[in-house]
Amino acid sequence: LVENPGNAGHAVDVDQIRFLPPVQLRRNV
């Protein structure tokens, strides 16, 4: 999916995103 040239438009600059916690926790860490 990443290597498909037709998907190049789905690459986003880091300054255009807000990082979320990696997982939606179901219970405590």
Full PDB file with SEQRES, HELIX, SHEET, SSBOND, CRYST1, ORIGX, SCALE, CONECT and MASTER records, all heavy atoms in Angstrom:
SEQRES   1 A   29  LEU VAL GLU ASN PRO GLY ASN ALA GLY HIS ALA VAL ASP          
SEQRES   2 A   29  VAL ASP GLN ILE ARG PHE LEU PRO PRO VAL GLN LEU ARG          
SEQRES   3 A   29  ARG ASN VAL                                                  
HELIX    1 AA1 PRO A    5  HIS A   10  5                                   6    
HELIX    2 AA2 VAL A   14  GLN A   16  5                                   3    
CRYST1    1.000    1.000    1.000  90.00  90.00  90.00 P 1           1          
ORIGX1      1.000000  0.000000  0.000000        0.00000                         
ORIGX2      0.000000  1.000000  0.000000        0.00000                         
ORIGX3      0.000000  0.000000  1.000000        0.00000                         
SCALE1      1.000000  0.000000  0.000000        0.00000                         
SCALE2      0.000000  1.000000  0.000000        0.00000                         
SCALE3      0.000000  0.000000  1.000000        0.00000                         
ATOM      1  N   LEU A   1       0.840  -1.201   0.000  1.00  0.00           N  
ATOM      2  CA  LEU A   1       0.000   0.000   0.000  1.00  0.00           C  
ATOM      3  C   LEU A   1       0.874   1.250   0.000  1.00  0.00           C  
ATOM      4  O   LEU A   1       0.628   2.210  -0.739  1.00  0.00           O  
ATOM      5  CB  LEU A   1      -0.909  -0.026   1.231  1.00  0.00           C  
ATOM      6  CG  LEU A   1      -2.173   0.829   1.222  1.00  0.00           C  
ATOM      7  CD1 LEU A   1      -3.159   0.341   0.166  1.00  0.00           C  
ATOM      8  CD2 LEU A   1      -2.833   0.802   2.598  1.00  0.00           C  
ATOM      9  N   VAL A   2       1.902   1.249   0.840  1.00  0.00           N  
ATOM     10  CA  VAL A   2       2.806   2.397   0.940  1.00  0.00           C  
ATOM     11  C   VAL A   2       3.604   2.582  -0.350  1.00  0.00           C  
ATOM     12  O   VAL A   2       3.809   3.711  -0.816  1.00  0.00           O  
ATOM     13  CB  VAL A   2       3.757   2.225   2.131  1.00  0.00           C  
ATOM     14  CG1 VAL A   2       4.802   3.333   2.159  1.00  0.00           C  
ATOM     15  CG2 VAL A   2       2.982   2.222   3.453  1.00  0.00           C  
ATOM     16  N   GLU A   3       4.041   1.476  -0.936  1.00  0.00           N  
ATOM     17  CA  GLU A   3       4.931   1.542  -2.107  1.00  0.00           C  
ATOM     18  C   GLU A   3       4.194   1.825  -3.410  1.00  0.00           C  
ATOM     19  O   GLU A   3       4.826   2.161  -4.421  1.00  0.00           O  
ATOM     20  CB  GLU A   3       5.694   0.220  -2.228  1.00  0.00           C  
ATOM     21  CG  GLU A   3       6.654  -0.021  -1.069  1.00  0.00           C  
ATOM     22  CD  GLU A   3       7.110  -1.463  -0.961  1.00  0.00           C  
ATOM     23  OE1 GLU A   3       6.694  -2.279  -1.820  1.00  0.00           O  
ATOM     24  OE2 GLU A   3       7.859  -1.784  -0.020  1.00  0.00           O  
ATOM     25  N   ASN A   4       2.873   1.730  -3.426  1.00  0.00           N  
ATOM     26  CA  ASN A   4       2.096   1.988  -4.632  1.00  0.00           C  
ATOM     27  C   ASN A   4       2.200   3.468  -5.004  1.00  0.00           C  
ATOM     28  O   ASN A   4       1.786   4.338  -4.233  1.00  0.00           O  
ATOM     29  CB  ASN A   4       0.635   1.608  -4.381  1.00  0.00           C  
ATOM     30  CG  ASN A   4      -0.220   1.718  -5.628  1.00  0.00           C  
ATOM     31  OD1 ASN A   4       0.084   2.460  -6.567  1.00  0.00           O  
ATOM     32  ND2 ASN A   4      -1.319   0.986  -5.648  1.00  0.00           N  
ATOM     33  N   PRO A   5       2.757   3.788  -6.177  1.00  0.00           N  
ATOM     34  CA  PRO A   5       2.903   5.205  -6.559  1.00  0.00           C  
ATOM     35  C   PRO A   5       1.585   5.973  -6.554  1.00  0.00           C  
ATOM     36  O   PRO A   5       1.566   7.189  -6.322  1.00  0.00           O  
ATOM     37  CB  PRO A   5       3.484   5.115  -7.978  1.00  0.00           C  
ATOM     38  CG  PRO A   5       4.132   3.767  -8.049  1.00  0.00           C  
ATOM     39  CD  PRO A   5       3.276   2.873  -7.198  1.00  0.00           C  
ATOM     40  N   GLY A   6       0.489   5.272  -6.792  1.00  0.00           N  
ATOM     41  CA  GLY A   6      -0.808   5.941  -6.805  1.00  0.00           C  
ATOM     42  C   GLY A   6      -1.259   6.422  -5.446  1.00  0.00           C  
ATOM     43  O   GLY A   6      -2.219   7.207  -5.349  1.00  0.00           O  
ATOM     44  N   ASN A   7      -0.571   5.979  -4.392  1.00  0.00           N  
ATOM     45  CA  ASN A   7      -0.946   6.382  -3.034  1.00  0.00           C  
ATOM     46  C   ASN A   7      -0.046   7.472  -2.470  1.00  0.00           C  
ATOM     47  O   ASN A   7      -0.108   7.769  -1.277  1.00  0.00           O  
ATOM     48  CB  ASN A   7      -0.906   5.165  -2.107  1.00  0.00           C  
ATOM     49  CG  ASN A   7      -2.034   4.193  -2.378  1.00  0.00           C  
ATOM     50  OD1 ASN A   7      -3.122   4.594  -2.789  1.00  0.00           O  
ATOM     51  ND2 ASN A   7      -1.775   2.904  -2.163  1.00  0.00           N  
ATOM     52  N   ALA A   8       0.792   8.064  -3.317  1.00  0.00           N  
ATOM     53  CA  ALA A   8       1.742   9.066  -2.832  1.00  0.00           C  
ATOM     54  C   ALA A   8       1.048  10.235  -2.147  1.00  0.00           C  
ATOM     55  O   ALA A   8       1.597  10.852  -1.223  1.00  0.00           O  
ATOM     56  CB  ALA A   8       2.599   9.570  -3.987  1.00  0.00           C  
ATOM     57  N   GLY A   9      -0.167  10.530  -2.562  1.00  0.00           N  
ATOM     58  CA  GLY A   9      -0.900  11.645  -1.980  1.00  0.00           C  
ATOM     59  C   GLY A   9      -1.355  11.407  -0.554  1.00  0.00           C  
ATOM     60  O   GLY A   9      -1.824  12.338   0.115  1.00  0.00           O  
ATOM     61  N   HIS A  10      -1.210  10.187  -0.080  1.00  0.00           N  
ATOM     62  CA  HIS A  10      -1.602   9.888   1.292  1.00  0.00           C  
ATOM     63  C   HIS A  10      -0.454  10.078   2.284  1.00  0.00           C  
ATOM     64  O   HIS A  10      -0.630   9.797   3.476  1.00  0.00           O  
ATOM     65  CB  HIS A  10      -2.134   8.455   1.382  1.00  0.00           C  
ATOM     66  CG  HIS A  10      -3.397   8.223   0.608  1.00  0.00           C  
ATOM     67  ND1 HIS A  10      -4.562   8.925   0.847  1.00  0.00           N  
ATOM     68  CD2 HIS A  10      -3.672   7.374  -0.419  1.00  0.00           C  
ATOM     69  CE1 HIS A  10      -5.504   8.525   0.015  1.00  0.00           C  
ATOM     70  NE2 HIS A  10      -4.996   7.585  -0.764  1.00  0.00           N  
ATOM     71  N   ALA A  11       0.682  10.542   1.809  1.00  0.00           N  
ATOM     72  CA  ALA A  11       1.795  10.860   2.710  1.00  0.00           C  
ATOM     73  C   ALA A  11       1.609  12.275   3.250  1.00  0.00           C  
ATOM     74  O   ALA A  11       1.376  13.219   2.498  1.00  0.00           O  
ATOM     75  CB  ALA A  11       3.124  10.744   1.981  1.00  0.00           C  
ATOM     76  N   VAL A  12       1.683  12.421   4.562  1.00  0.00           N  
ATOM     77  CA  VAL A  12       1.379  13.678   5.249  1.00  0.00           C  
ATOM     78  C   VAL A  12       2.642  14.210   5.924  1.00  0.00           C  
ATOM     79  O   VAL A  12       3.414  13.438   6.508  1.00  0.00           O  
ATOM     80  CB  VAL A  12       0.283  13.462   6.326  1.00  0.00           C  
ATOM     81  CG1 VAL A  12      -0.175  14.784   6.911  1.00  0.00           C  
ATOM     82  CG2 VAL A  12      -0.883  12.674   5.764  1.00  0.00           C  
ATOM     83  N   ASP A  13       2.857  15.515   5.853  1.00  0.00           N  
ATOM     84  CA  ASP A  13       3.956  16.122   6.600  1.00  0.00           C  
ATOM     85  C   ASP A  13       3.663  16.042   8.101  1.00  0.00           C  
ATOM     86  O   ASP A  13       2.510  16.186   8.525  1.00  0.00           O  
ATOM     87  CB  ASP A  13       4.140  17.588   6.209  1.00  0.00           C  
ATOM     88  CG  ASP A  13       4.679  17.744   4.788  1.00  0.00           C  
ATOM     89  OD1 ASP A  13       5.416  16.836   4.339  1.00  0.00           O  
ATOM     90  OD2 ASP A  13       4.350  18.746   4.147  1.00  0.00           O  
ATOM     91  N   VAL A  14       4.702  15.836   8.899  1.00  0.00           N  
ATOM     92  CA  VAL A  14       4.522  15.694  10.343  1.00  0.00           C  
ATOM     93  C   VAL A  14       3.893  16.939  10.958  1.00  0.00           C  
ATOM     94  O   VAL A  14       3.131  16.845  11.925  1.00  0.00           O  
ATOM     95  CB  VAL A  14       5.870  15.361  11.021  1.00  0.00           C  
ATOM     96  CG1 VAL A  14       5.754  15.409  12.532  1.00  0.00           C  
ATOM     97  CG2 VAL A  14       6.346  13.980  10.593  1.00  0.00           C  
ATOM     98  N   ASP A  15       4.185  18.115  10.399  1.00  0.00           N  
ATOM     99  CA  ASP A  15       3.619  19.334  10.976  1.00  0.00           C  
ATOM    100  C   ASP A  15       2.136  19.490  10.660  1.00  0.00           C  
ATOM    101  O   ASP A  15       1.498  20.441  11.123  1.00  0.00           O  
ATOM    102  CB  ASP A  15       4.400  20.567  10.523  1.00  0.00           C  
ATOM    103  CG  ASP A  15       4.400  20.772   9.012  1.00  0.00           C  
ATOM    104  OD1 ASP A  15       3.719  20.005   8.297  1.00  0.00           O  
ATOM    105  OD2 ASP A  15       5.080  21.698   8.547  1.00  0.00           O  
ATOM    106  N   GLN A  16       1.562  18.544   9.915  1.00  0.00           N  
ATOM    107  CA  GLN A  16       0.132  18.586   9.609  1.00  0.00           C  
ATOM    108  C   GLN A  16      -0.669  17.590  10.451  1.00  0.00           C  
ATOM    109  O   GLN A  16      -1.873  17.433  10.235  1.00  0.00           O  
ATOM    110  CB  GLN A  16      -0.106  18.294   8.130  1.00  0.00           C  
ATOM    111  CG  GLN A  16       0.401  19.384   7.199  1.00  0.00           C  
ATOM    112  CD  GLN A  16       0.089  19.049   5.746  1.00  0.00           C  
ATOM    113  OE1 GLN A  16       0.449  17.993   5.227  1.00  0.00           O  
ATOM    114  NE2 GLN A  16      -0.601  19.960   5.081  1.00  0.00           N  
ATOM    115  N   ILE A  17      -0.002  16.934  11.392  1.00  0.00           N  
ATOM    116  CA  ILE A  17      -0.707  15.933  12.185  1.00  0.00           C  
ATOM    117  C   ILE A  17      -0.578  16.250  13.675  1.00  0.00           C  
ATOM    118  O   ILE A  17       0.293  17.000  14.099  1.00  0.00           O  
ATOM    119  CB  ILE A  17      -0.178  14.505  11.932  1.00  0.00           C  
ATOM    120  CG1 ILE A  17       1.207  14.313  12.559  1.00  0.00           C  
ATOM    121  CG2 ILE A  17      -0.143  14.201  10.438  1.00  0.00           C  
ATOM    122  CD1 ILE A  17       1.676  12.876  12.557  1.00  0.00           C  
ATOM    123  N   ARG A  18      -1.477  15.656  14.437  1.00  0.00           N  
ATOM    124  CA  ARG A  18      -1.392  15.662  15.902  1.00  0.00           C  
ATOM    125  C   ARG A  18      -1.256  14.215  16.340  1.00  0.00           C  
ATOM    126  O   ARG A  18      -2.146  13.385  16.082  1.00  0.00           O  
ATOM    127  CB  ARG A  18      -2.630  16.290  16.529  1.00  0.00           C  
ATOM    128  CG  ARG A  18      -2.657  16.236  18.080  1.00  0.00           C  
ATOM    129  CD  ARG A  18      -3.792  17.065  18.621  1.00  0.00           C  
ATOM    130  NE  ARG A  18      -4.028  16.900  20.040  1.00  0.00           N  
ATOM    131  CZ  ARG A  18      -3.317  17.475  21.019  1.00  0.00           C  
ATOM    132  NH1 ARG A  18      -2.293  18.247  20.709  1.00  0.00           N  
ATOM    133  NH2 ARG A  18      -3.621  17.278  22.294  1.00  0.00           N  
ATOM    134  N   PHE A  19      -0.146  13.908  16.971  1.00  0.00           N  
ATOM    135  CA  PHE A  19       0.070  12.552  17.468  1.00  0.00           C  
ATOM    136  C   PHE A  19      -0.935  12.238  18.567  1.00  0.00           C  
ATOM    137  O   PHE A  19      -1.166  13.049  19.465  1.00  0.00           O  
ATOM    138  CB  PHE A  19       1.481  12.402  18.034  1.00  0.00           C  
ATOM    139  CG  PHE A  19       2.563  12.299  16.997  1.00  0.00           C  
ATOM    140  CD1 PHE A  19       3.125  13.443  16.444  1.00  0.00           C  
ATOM    141  CD2 PHE A  19       3.032  11.063  16.574  1.00  0.00           C  
ATOM    142  CE1 PHE A  19       4.136  13.359  15.489  1.00  0.00           C  
ATOM    143  CE2 PHE A  19       4.040  10.962  15.634  1.00  0.00           C  
ATOM    144  CZ  PHE A  19       4.590  12.110  15.087  1.00  0.00           C  
ATOM    145  N   LEU A  20      -1.512  11.054  18.504  1.00  0.00           N  
ATOM    146  CA  LEU A  20      -2.369  10.548  19.565  1.00  0.00           C  
ATOM    147  C   LEU A  20      -1.611   9.479  20.349  1.00  0.00           C  
ATOM    148  O   LEU A  20      -0.625   8.924  19.850  1.00  0.00           O  
ATOM    149  CB  LEU A  20      -3.643   9.940  18.971  1.00  0.00           C  
ATOM    150  CG  LEU A  20      -4.564  10.892  18.209  1.00  0.00           C  
ATOM    151  CD1 LEU A  20      -5.708  10.109  17.569  1.00  0.00           C  
ATOM    152  CD2 LEU A  20      -5.099  11.983  19.121  1.00  0.00           C  
ATOM    153  N   PRO A  21      -2.041   9.171  21.576  1.00  0.00           N  
ATOM    154  CA  PRO A  21      -1.466   7.995  22.225  1.00  0.00           C  
ATOM    155  C   PRO A  21      -1.616   6.809  21.281  1.00  0.00           C  
ATOM    156  O   PRO A  21      -2.646   6.665  20.620  1.00  0.00           O  
ATOM    157  CB  PRO A  21      -2.318   7.839  23.487  1.00  0.00           C  
ATOM    158  CG  PRO A  21      -2.822   9.223  23.779  1.00  0.00           C  
ATOM    159  CD  PRO A  21      -3.050   9.848  22.428  1.00  0.00           C  
ATOM    160  N   PRO A  22      -0.604   5.946  21.186  1.00  0.00           N  
ATOM    161  CA  PRO A  22      -0.628   4.899  20.170  1.00  0.00           C  
ATOM    162  C   PRO A  22      -1.835   3.975  20.229  1.00  0.00           C  
ATOM    163  O   PRO A  22      -2.301   3.496  19.198  1.00  0.00           O  
ATOM    164  CB  PRO A  22       0.661   4.123  20.439  1.00  0.00           C  
ATOM    165  CG  PRO A  22       1.562   5.093  21.119  1.00  0.00           C  
ATOM    166  CD  PRO A  22       0.652   5.967  21.936  1.00  0.00           C  
ATOM    167  N   VAL A  23      -2.338   3.678  21.431  1.00  0.00           N  
ATOM    168  CA  VAL A  23      -3.481   2.772  21.544  1.00  0.00           C  
ATOM    169  C   VAL A  23      -4.581   3.418  22.370  1.00  0.00           C  
ATOM    170  O   VAL A  23      -4.323   4.303  23.198  1.00  0.00           O  
ATOM    171  CB  VAL A  23      -3.076   1.421  22.196  1.00  0.00           C  
ATOM    172  CG1 VAL A  23      -2.083   0.682  21.324  1.00  0.00           C  
ATOM    173  CG2 VAL A  23      -2.515   1.630  23.590  1.00  0.00           C  
ATOM    174  N   GLN A  24      -5.806   2.990  22.118  1.00  0.00           N  
ATOM    175  CA  GLN A  24      -6.946   3.377  22.945  1.00  0.00           C  
ATOM    176  C   GLN A  24      -7.032   2.352  24.076  1.00  0.00           C  
ATOM    177  O   GLN A  24      -7.527   1.248  23.879  1.00  0.00           O  
ATOM    178  CB  GLN A  24      -8.232   3.385  22.115  1.00  0.00           C  
ATOM    179  CG  GLN A  24      -8.232   4.384  20.982  1.00  0.00           C  
ATOM    180  CD  GLN A  24      -8.315   5.808  21.466  1.00  0.00           C  
ATOM    181  OE1 GLN A  24      -9.061   6.118  22.389  1.00  0.00           O  
ATOM    182  NE2 GLN A  24      -7.569   6.695  20.838  1.00  0.00           N  
ATOM    183  N   LEU A  25      -6.520   2.714  25.234  1.00  0.00           N  
ATOM    184  CA  LEU A  25      -6.391   1.743  26.321  1.00  0.00           C  
ATOM    185  C   LEU A  25      -7.737   1.224  26.796  1.00  0.00           C  
ATOM    186  O   LEU A  25      -8.681   1.989  27.000  1.00  0.00           O  
ATOM    187  CB  LEU A  25      -5.640   2.367  27.491  1.00  0.00           C  
ATOM    188  CG  LEU A  25      -4.136   2.560  27.287  1.00  0.00           C  
ATOM    189  CD1 LEU A  25      -3.556   3.349  28.429  1.00  0.00           C  
ATOM    190  CD2 LEU A  25      -3.430   1.222  27.167  1.00  0.00           C  
ATOM    191  N   ARG A  26      -7.804  -0.081  26.990  1.00  0.00           N  
ATOM    192  CA  ARG A  26      -9.009  -0.720  27.501  1.00  0.00           C  
ATOM    193  C   ARG A  26      -8.932  -0.908  29.007  1.00  0.00           C  
ATOM    194  O   ARG A  26      -9.932  -1.194  29.655  1.00  0.00           O  
ATOM    195  CB  ARG A  26      -9.201  -2.065  26.806  1.00  0.00           C  
ATOM    196  CG  ARG A  26      -9.418  -1.888  25.303  1.00  0.00           C  
ATOM    197  CD  ARG A  26      -9.056  -3.107  24.503  1.00  0.00           C  
ATOM    198  NE  ARG A  26      -9.093  -2.794  23.074  1.00  0.00           N  
ATOM    199  CZ  ARG A  26      -8.650  -3.604  22.135  1.00  0.00           C  
ATOM    200  NH1 ARG A  26      -8.133  -4.764  22.447  1.00  0.00           N  
ATOM    201  NH2 ARG A  26      -8.708  -3.247  20.870  1.00  0.00           N  
ATOM    202  N   ARG A  27      -7.734  -0.807  29.560  1.00  0.00           N  
ATOM    203  CA  ARG A  27      -7.547  -0.871  31.008  1.00  0.00           C  
ATOM    204  C   ARG A  27      -6.230  -0.179  31.331  1.00  0.00           C  
ATOM    205  O   ARG A  27      -5.579   0.394  30.468  1.00  0.00           O  
ATOM    206  CB  ARG A  27      -7.578  -2.312  31.507  1.00  0.00           C  
ATOM    207  CG  ARG A  27      -6.654  -3.293  30.787  1.00  0.00           C  
ATOM    208  CD  ARG A  27      -6.874  -4.688  31.328  1.00  0.00           C  
ATOM    209  NE  ARG A  27      -6.021  -5.683  30.715  1.00  0.00           N  
ATOM    210  CZ  ARG A  27      -6.017  -6.968  31.075  1.00  0.00           C  
ATOM    211  NH1 ARG A  27      -6.813  -7.384  32.058  1.00  0.00           N  
ATOM    212  NH2 ARG A  27      -5.225  -7.841  30.474  1.00  0.00           N  
ATOM    213  N   ASN A  28      -5.842  -0.196  32.600  1.00  0.00           N  
ATOM    214  CA  ASN A  28      -4.674   0.558  33.035  1.00  0.00           C  
ATOM    215  C   ASN A  28      -3.400   0.105  32.340  1.00  0.00           C  
ATOM    216  O   ASN A  28      -3.282  -1.019  31.849  1.00  0.00           O  
ATOM    217  CB  ASN A  28      -4.485   0.399  34.549  1.00  0.00           C  
ATOM    218  CG  ASN A  28      -5.494   1.182  35.343  1.00  0.00           C  
ATOM    219  OD1 ASN A  28      -6.473   1.685  34.807  1.00  0.00           O  
ATOM    220  ND2 ASN A  28      -5.268   1.295  36.641  1.00  0.00           N  
ATOM    221  N   VAL A  29      -2.405   1.013  32.335  1.00  0.00           N  
ATOM    222  CA  VAL A  29      -1.058   0.666  31.885  1.00  0.00           C  
ATOM    223  C   VAL A  29      -0.382  -0.131  33.001  1.00  0.00           C  
ATOM    224  O   VAL A  29      -0.344   0.301  34.158  1.00  0.00           O  
ATOM    225  CB  VAL A  29      -0.240   1.936  31.585  1.00  0.00           C  
ATOM    226  CG1 VAL A  29       1.192   1.578  31.178  1.00  0.00           C  
ATOM    227  CG2 VAL A  29      -0.918   2.770  30.505  1.00  0.00           C  
TER     228      VAL A  29                                                      
MASTER        0    0    0    2    0    0    0    6  227    1    0    3          
END                                                                             
